Amino acid sequence: MSEVVEARGPLAFRADRWAAKKAAAQAALAVAEWDYPLLDEHDFLKTVHGLVNTAVTAGGKRVSVHLADQDDKILVMALNHQDAGQDATPAVPAEVAVLRTVDACGAHTDHDSHAWWALLDGRPRPKKRLA
């Protein structure tokens, strides 16, 4: 089992219409240092963007993105920070759940936030080519 590596800290954003784009760009820079040359960049960016956009849409003033990796898997978690009395957590967007390199995803609520997460394969097998 390899060591868990986490980004220097969560990436934090104001929950506005630009948060998803900013988060995807900053998360990509953070993960670029982790030596995953086979990581599907499109899937990674779409995952971060989709999770953060869902967090913004669900409400709250701030959104944070947490990144970690272990055993060739990359965890992306987006949280929206809210006061008590939250509604139920919306599901992970379908456009994230169906991505080829997303191994698992989910959502949950705790006392002060909703969280959406996805686990991506950092070293996926090459796509099969049609003859």
N, C-alpha and C. Protein backbone atom coordinates (compact mmCIF):
# COMPACT_ATOMS: atom_id res chain seq x y z
N MET A 1 0.85 -1.17 0.00
CA MET A 1 0.00 0.00 0.00
C MET A 1 0.90 1.23 0.00
N SER A 2 0.60 2.18 -0.87
CA SER A 2 1.42 3.37 -0.95
C SER A 2 0.91 4.44 0.02
N GLU A 3 1.78 5.41 0.24
CA GLU A 3 1.45 6.50 1.14
C GLU A 3 0.36 7.39 0.55
N VAL A 4 -0.50 7.92 1.41
CA VAL A 4 -1.54 8.85 0.97
C VAL A 4 -0.90 10.23 0.85
N VAL A 5 -1.09 10.87 -0.29
CA VAL A 5 -0.60 12.22 -0.50
C VAL A 5 -1.80 13.12 -0.66
N GLU A 6 -1.84 14.22 0.09
CA GLU A 6 -2.94 15.16 -0.02
C GLU A 6 -2.37 16.50 -0.47
N ALA A 7 -3.16 17.24 -1.23
CA ALA A 7 -2.75 18.58 -1.63
C ALA A 7 -2.42 19.38 -0.37
N ARG A 8 -1.64 20.44 -0.52
CA ARG A 8 -1.19 21.22 0.63
C ARG A 8 -2.32 21.62 1.57
N GLY A 9 -3.47 21.65 1.13
CA GLY A 9 -4.64 22.00 1.92
C GLY A 9 -5.80 22.11 0.95
N PRO A 10 -6.98 22.29 1.46
CA PRO A 10 -8.11 22.40 0.54
C PRO A 10 -8.00 23.67 -0.30
N LEU A 11 -8.52 23.59 -1.49
CA LEU A 11 -8.64 24.75 -2.35
C LEU A 11 -9.99 25.38 -2.01
N ALA A 12 -10.02 26.67 -1.73
CA ALA A 12 -11.27 27.30 -1.29
C ALA A 12 -11.70 28.38 -2.28
N PHE A 13 -13.01 28.47 -2.48
CA PHE A 13 -13.58 29.39 -3.46
C PHE A 13 -14.88 29.98 -2.94
N ARG A 14 -15.18 31.19 -3.38
CA ARG A 14 -16.50 31.76 -3.15
C ARG A 14 -17.47 30.96 -4.01
N ALA A 15 -18.62 30.64 -3.48
CA ALA A 15 -19.60 29.84 -4.22
C ALA A 15 -20.31 30.72 -5.24
N ASP A 16 -19.68 30.92 -6.39
CA ASP A 16 -20.27 31.72 -7.45
C ASP A 16 -20.15 30.98 -8.79
N ARG A 17 -20.60 31.60 -9.84
CA ARG A 17 -20.64 30.92 -11.14
C ARG A 17 -19.26 30.64 -11.72
N TRP A 18 -18.21 31.24 -11.20
CA TRP A 18 -16.86 31.01 -11.69
C TRP A 18 -16.10 29.97 -10.87
N ALA A 19 -16.66 29.52 -9.78
CA ALA A 19 -15.95 28.62 -8.86
C ALA A 19 -15.52 27.32 -9.54
N ALA A 20 -16.39 26.72 -10.33
CA ALA A 20 -16.07 25.42 -10.94
C ALA A 20 -14.88 25.53 -11.89
N LYS A 21 -14.85 26.58 -12.69
CA LYS A 21 -13.75 26.76 -13.64
C LYS A 21 -12.44 27.02 -12.90
N LYS A 22 -12.48 27.87 -11.89
CA LYS A 22 -11.28 28.15 -11.08
C LYS A 22 -10.80 26.88 -10.38
N ALA A 23 -11.73 26.13 -9.81
CA ALA A 23 -11.37 24.92 -9.07
C ALA A 23 -10.73 23.89 -9.98
N ALA A 24 -11.28 23.69 -11.17
CA ALA A 24 -10.72 22.71 -12.10
C ALA A 24 -9.29 23.08 -12.47
N ALA A 25 -9.05 24.35 -12.74
CA ALA A 25 -7.70 24.79 -13.12
C ALA A 25 -6.71 24.61 -11.97
N GLN A 26 -7.09 25.02 -10.76
CA GLN A 26 -6.18 24.91 -9.62
C GLN A 26 -5.95 23.45 -9.22
N ALA A 27 -6.99 22.63 -9.30
CA ALA A 27 -6.84 21.21 -8.96
C ALA A 27 -5.92 20.52 -9.96
N ALA A 28 -6.03 20.86 -11.23
CA ALA A 28 -5.17 20.28 -12.25
C ALA A 28 -3.70 20.62 -11.98
N LEU A 29 -3.44 21.85 -11.57
CA LEU A 29 -2.06 22.24 -11.24
C LEU A 29 -1.54 21.46 -10.04
N ALA A 30 -2.38 21.28 -9.03
CA ALA A 30 -1.96 20.54 -7.83
C ALA A 30 -1.65 19.09 -8.16
N VAL A 31 -2.51 18.45 -8.93
CA VAL A 31 -2.33 17.03 -9.24
C VAL A 31 -1.21 16.80 -10.26
N ALA A 32 -0.89 17.79 -11.05
CA ALA A 32 0.19 17.66 -12.03
C ALA A 32 1.52 17.32 -11.36
N GLU A 33 1.69 17.71 -10.11
CA GLU A 33 2.92 17.43 -9.36
C GLU A 33 2.98 16.00 -8.84
N TRP A 34 1.93 15.23 -8.98
CA TRP A 34 1.85 13.90 -8.38
C TRP A 34 2.30 12.77 -9.30
N ASP A 35 2.77 13.05 -10.50
CA ASP A 35 3.31 12.05 -11.43
C ASP A 35 2.27 10.99 -11.82
N TYR A 36 1.24 11.44 -12.48
CA TYR A 36 0.24 10.55 -13.07
C TYR A 36 0.14 10.83 -14.57
N PRO A 37 1.14 10.40 -15.34
CA PRO A 37 1.14 10.72 -16.78
C PRO A 37 -0.02 10.10 -17.55
N LEU A 38 -0.63 9.06 -17.02
CA LEU A 38 -1.74 8.41 -17.73
C LEU A 38 -3.11 8.91 -17.27
N LEU A 39 -3.14 9.83 -16.31
CA LEU A 39 -4.41 10.37 -15.84
C LEU A 39 -5.15 11.02 -17.01
N ASP A 40 -6.39 10.68 -17.17
CA ASP A 40 -7.21 11.27 -18.22
C ASP A 40 -7.57 12.69 -17.80
N GLU A 41 -6.90 13.67 -18.39
CA GLU A 41 -7.08 15.06 -17.99
C GLU A 41 -8.52 15.53 -18.21
N HIS A 42 -9.13 15.11 -19.30
CA HIS A 42 -10.52 15.49 -19.58
C HIS A 42 -11.44 15.00 -18.47
N ASP A 43 -11.30 13.72 -18.09
CA ASP A 43 -12.13 13.16 -17.03
C ASP A 43 -11.89 13.89 -15.70
N PHE A 44 -10.63 14.17 -15.39
CA PHE A 44 -10.30 14.85 -14.14
C PHE A 44 -10.93 16.24 -14.10
N LEU A 45 -10.73 17.03 -15.16
CA LEU A 45 -11.28 18.38 -15.20
C LEU A 45 -12.81 18.37 -15.14
N LYS A 46 -13.42 17.44 -15.88
CA LYS A 46 -14.88 17.35 -15.89
C LYS A 46 -15.40 16.94 -14.51
N THR A 47 -14.67 16.07 -13.82
CA THR A 47 -15.05 15.64 -12.47
C THR A 47 -15.03 16.82 -11.51
N VAL A 48 -13.91 17.54 -11.47
CA VAL A 48 -13.80 18.68 -10.55
C VAL A 48 -14.88 19.71 -10.88
N HIS A 49 -15.02 20.03 -12.15
CA HIS A 49 -16.00 21.03 -12.57
C HIS A 49 -17.42 20.60 -12.16
N GLY A 50 -17.77 19.35 -12.43
CA GLY A 50 -19.11 18.86 -12.12
C GLY A 50 -19.41 18.83 -10.64
N LEU A 51 -18.44 18.37 -9.84
CA LEU A 51 -18.65 18.31 -8.39
C LEU A 51 -18.77 19.71 -7.79
N VAL A 52 -17.90 20.62 -8.21
CA VAL A 52 -17.94 21.98 -7.67
C VAL A 52 -19.21 22.70 -8.12
N ASN A 53 -19.59 22.54 -9.36
CA ASN A 53 -20.81 23.17 -9.84
C ASN A 53 -22.02 22.68 -9.04
N THR A 54 -22.05 21.39 -8.73
CA THR A 54 -23.14 20.85 -7.91
C THR A 54 -23.11 21.45 -6.52
N ALA A 55 -21.92 21.60 -5.93
CA ALA A 55 -21.79 22.19 -4.60
C ALA A 55 -22.27 23.64 -4.60
N VAL A 56 -21.92 24.39 -5.62
CA VAL A 56 -22.36 25.79 -5.72
C VAL A 56 -23.87 25.87 -5.84
N THR A 57 -24.43 25.04 -6.71
CA THR A 57 -25.87 25.04 -6.94
C THR A 57 -26.65 24.68 -5.68
N ALA A 58 -26.08 23.83 -4.84
CA ALA A 58 -26.77 23.38 -3.62
C ALA A 58 -26.80 24.46 -2.54
N GLY A 59 -26.02 25.52 -2.69
CA GLY A 59 -26.08 26.63 -1.74
C GLY A 59 -24.87 26.75 -0.85
N GLY A 60 -24.87 27.77 -0.07
CA GLY A 60 -23.74 28.07 0.80
C GLY A 60 -22.91 29.21 0.23
N LYS A 61 -22.02 29.73 1.04
CA LYS A 61 -21.20 30.87 0.62
C LYS A 61 -19.83 30.45 0.11
N ARG A 62 -19.34 29.30 0.56
CA ARG A 62 -18.00 28.85 0.18
C ARG A 62 -18.05 27.42 -0.31
N VAL A 63 -17.08 27.09 -1.15
CA VAL A 63 -16.89 25.73 -1.64
C VAL A 63 -15.41 25.41 -1.46
N SER A 64 -15.12 24.21 -0.99
CA SER A 64 -13.72 23.79 -0.91
C SER A 64 -13.55 22.48 -1.67
N VAL A 65 -12.36 22.32 -2.22
CA VAL A 65 -12.02 21.11 -2.97
C VAL A 65 -10.84 20.45 -2.26
N HIS A 66 -10.99 19.18 -1.95
CA HIS A 66 -9.95 18.40 -1.28
C HIS A 66 -9.48 17.33 -2.25
N LEU A 67 -8.17 17.16 -2.36
CA LEU A 67 -7.57 16.20 -3.27
C LEU A 67 -6.64 15.28 -2.50
N ALA A 68 -6.65 14.01 -2.84
CA ALA A 68 -5.74 13.05 -2.22
C ALA A 68 -5.49 11.92 -3.21
N ASP A 69 -4.39 11.20 -3.00
CA ASP A 69 -4.15 10.02 -3.83
C ASP A 69 -3.53 8.90 -3.02
N GLN A 70 -3.80 7.69 -3.47
CA GLN A 70 -3.24 6.50 -2.88
C GLN A 70 -3.46 5.35 -3.85
N ASP A 71 -2.46 4.50 -3.98
CA ASP A 71 -2.56 3.29 -4.81
C ASP A 71 -3.09 3.59 -6.21
N ASP A 72 -2.52 4.62 -6.85
CA ASP A 72 -2.87 5.00 -8.23
C ASP A 72 -4.31 5.45 -8.39
N LYS A 73 -4.94 5.90 -7.33
CA LYS A 73 -6.29 6.45 -7.37
C LYS A 73 -6.23 7.89 -6.88
N ILE A 74 -7.06 8.74 -7.45
CA ILE A 74 -7.11 10.14 -7.05
C ILE A 74 -8.52 10.44 -6.54
N LEU A 75 -8.60 10.95 -5.33
CA LEU A 75 -9.87 11.33 -4.73
C LEU A 75 -10.08 12.82 -4.92
N VAL A 76 -11.25 13.18 -5.42
CA VAL A 76 -11.67 14.59 -5.53
C VAL A 76 -12.91 14.72 -4.68
N MET A 77 -12.90 15.66 -3.74
CA MET A 77 -14.07 15.90 -2.90
C MET A 77 -14.38 17.39 -2.90
N ALA A 78 -15.63 17.73 -3.17
CA ALA A 78 -16.08 19.12 -3.13
C ALA A 78 -17.08 19.26 -1.99
N LEU A 79 -16.90 20.28 -1.17
CA LEU A 79 -17.80 20.54 -0.05
C LEU A 79 -18.36 21.94 -0.16
N ASN A 80 -19.64 22.08 0.15
CA ASN A 80 -20.20 23.43 0.32
C ASN A 80 -20.47 23.60 1.80
N HIS A 81 -20.06 24.71 2.32
CA HIS A 81 -20.14 24.95 3.75
C HIS A 81 -21.38 25.79 4.03
N GLN A 82 -22.27 25.24 4.84
CA GLN A 82 -23.55 25.88 5.11
C GLN A 82 -23.85 25.87 6.58
N ASP A 83 -24.85 26.66 6.93
CA ASP A 83 -25.37 26.65 8.30
C ASP A 83 -26.24 25.42 8.48
N ALA A 84 -26.63 25.17 9.70
CA ALA A 84 -27.52 24.04 9.99
C ALA A 84 -28.83 24.18 9.24
N GLY A 85 -29.56 23.10 9.12
CA GLY A 85 -30.85 23.13 8.46
C GLY A 85 -30.76 22.94 6.96
N GLN A 86 -29.82 22.15 6.53
CA GLN A 86 -29.62 21.91 5.10
C GLN A 86 -30.66 20.94 4.55
N ASP A 87 -30.90 21.09 3.28
CA ASP A 87 -31.74 20.12 2.58
C ASP A 87 -30.91 18.86 2.33
N ALA A 88 -31.56 17.84 1.79
CA ALA A 88 -30.85 16.61 1.43
C ALA A 88 -29.79 16.91 0.37
N THR A 89 -28.73 16.14 0.38
CA THR A 89 -27.64 16.32 -0.57
C THR A 89 -28.04 15.85 -1.96
N PRO A 90 -27.93 16.72 -2.97
CA PRO A 90 -28.19 16.27 -4.34
C PRO A 90 -27.18 15.20 -4.75
N ALA A 91 -27.56 14.36 -5.67
CA ALA A 91 -26.68 13.28 -6.14
C ALA A 91 -25.52 13.83 -6.95
N VAL A 92 -24.49 13.01 -7.09
CA VAL A 92 -23.38 13.34 -7.98
C VAL A 92 -23.94 13.47 -9.39
N PRO A 93 -23.52 14.48 -10.13
CA PRO A 93 -24.06 14.63 -11.49
C PRO A 93 -23.76 13.42 -12.37
N ALA A 94 -24.72 13.06 -13.18
CA ALA A 94 -24.58 11.89 -14.06
C ALA A 94 -23.38 12.02 -14.98
N GLU A 95 -23.08 13.23 -15.43
CA GLU A 95 -21.95 13.40 -16.35
C GLU A 95 -20.61 13.09 -15.68
N VAL A 96 -20.56 13.10 -14.36
CA VAL A 96 -19.36 12.67 -13.64
C VAL A 96 -19.38 11.16 -13.44
N ALA A 97 -20.51 10.64 -13.01
CA ALA A 97 -20.62 9.20 -12.69
C ALA A 97 -20.32 8.30 -13.89
N VAL A 98 -20.56 8.76 -15.09
CA VAL A 98 -20.37 7.91 -16.27
C VAL A 98 -18.99 8.03 -16.91
N LEU A 99 -18.13 8.87 -16.37
CA LEU A 99 -16.80 9.03 -16.97
C LEU A 99 -16.01 7.72 -16.88
N ARG A 100 -15.24 7.43 -17.91
CA ARG A 100 -14.52 6.16 -18.02
C ARG A 100 -13.58 5.90 -16.85
N THR A 101 -12.90 6.93 -16.35
CA THR A 101 -11.90 6.69 -15.30
C THR A 101 -12.43 6.93 -13.89
N VAL A 102 -13.72 7.22 -13.74
CA VAL A 102 -14.32 7.35 -12.40
C VAL A 102 -14.69 5.95 -11.92
N ASP A 103 -13.97 5.50 -10.88
CA ASP A 103 -14.22 4.16 -10.34
C ASP A 103 -15.40 4.13 -9.38
N ALA A 104 -15.61 5.22 -8.64
CA ALA A 104 -16.70 5.29 -7.67
C ALA A 104 -16.98 6.75 -7.40
N CYS A 105 -18.20 7.04 -6.93
CA CYS A 105 -18.55 8.41 -6.57
C CYS A 105 -19.74 8.39 -5.61
N GLY A 106 -19.95 9.49 -4.92
CA GLY A 106 -21.06 9.54 -3.99
C GLY A 106 -21.22 10.93 -3.39
N ALA A 107 -22.18 11.03 -2.48
CA ALA A 107 -22.49 12.29 -1.82
C ALA A 107 -22.96 12.00 -0.40
N HIS A 108 -22.71 12.94 0.49
CA HIS A 108 -23.22 12.81 1.86
C HIS A 108 -23.32 14.18 2.52
N THR A 109 -24.00 14.22 3.65
CA THR A 109 -24.19 15.45 4.43
C THR A 109 -23.69 15.21 5.84
N ASP A 110 -22.99 16.20 6.39
CA ASP A 110 -22.66 16.14 7.82
C ASP A 110 -23.20 17.40 8.48
N HIS A 111 -22.75 17.73 9.67
CA HIS A 111 -23.35 18.81 10.45
C HIS A 111 -23.21 20.20 9.83
N ASP A 112 -22.20 20.44 8.99
CA ASP A 112 -22.03 21.79 8.45
C ASP A 112 -21.72 21.85 6.95
N SER A 113 -21.92 20.74 6.24
CA SER A 113 -21.64 20.78 4.81
C SER A 113 -22.26 19.60 4.08
N HIS A 114 -22.39 19.78 2.77
CA HIS A 114 -22.68 18.68 1.85
C HIS A 114 -21.33 18.33 1.22
N ALA A 115 -21.14 17.09 0.85
CA ALA A 115 -19.90 16.69 0.18
C ALA A 115 -20.22 15.80 -1.00
N TRP A 116 -19.50 16.01 -2.08
CA TRP A 116 -19.60 15.17 -3.28
C TRP A 116 -18.19 14.70 -3.57
N TRP A 117 -18.04 13.42 -3.90
CA TRP A 117 -16.70 12.89 -4.11
C TRP A 117 -16.69 11.94 -5.31
N ALA A 118 -15.50 11.80 -5.86
CA ALA A 118 -15.29 10.84 -6.94
C ALA A 118 -13.87 10.30 -6.82
N LEU A 119 -13.72 9.03 -7.11
CA LEU A 119 -12.43 8.35 -7.09
C LEU A 119 -12.07 8.02 -8.53
N LEU A 120 -10.97 8.59 -9.01
CA LEU A 120 -10.54 8.38 -10.39
C LEU A 120 -9.34 7.45 -10.45
N ASP A 121 -9.28 6.67 -11.49
CA ASP A 121 -8.14 5.80 -11.75
C ASP A 121 -7.02 6.65 -12.33
N GLY A 122 -5.91 6.76 -11.62
CA GLY A 122 -4.78 7.57 -12.06
C GLY A 122 -3.92 6.92 -13.12
N ARG A 123 -4.08 5.63 -13.32
CA ARG A 123 -3.31 4.91 -14.34
C ARG A 123 -4.25 3.96 -15.09
N PRO A 124 -5.23 4.52 -15.81
CA PRO A 124 -6.19 3.67 -16.50
C PRO A 124 -5.54 2.90 -17.65
N ARG A 125 -6.14 1.79 -18.00
CA ARG A 125 -5.67 1.04 -19.16
C ARG A 125 -5.97 1.84 -20.41
N PRO A 126 -5.12 1.71 -21.41
CA PRO A 126 -5.38 2.44 -22.66
C PRO A 126 -6.73 2.04 -23.27
N LYS A 127 -7.32 2.99 -23.97
CA LYS A 127 -8.58 2.72 -24.65
C LYS A 127 -8.34 1.71 -25.74
N LYS A 128 -9.29 0.82 -25.93
CA LYS A 128 -9.19 -0.16 -27.01
C LYS A 128 -9.49 0.53 -28.33
N ARG A 129 -8.72 0.19 -29.33
CA ARG A 129 -8.93 0.77 -30.65
C ARG A 129 -9.69 -0.21 -31.52
N LEU A 130 -10.57 0.33 -32.33
CA LEU A 130 -11.29 -0.51 -33.28
C LEU A 130 -10.38 -0.80 -34.46
N ALA A 131 -10.46 -2.01 -34.98
CA ALA A 131 -9.59 -2.40 -36.10
C ALA A 131 -10.02 -1.75 -37.38
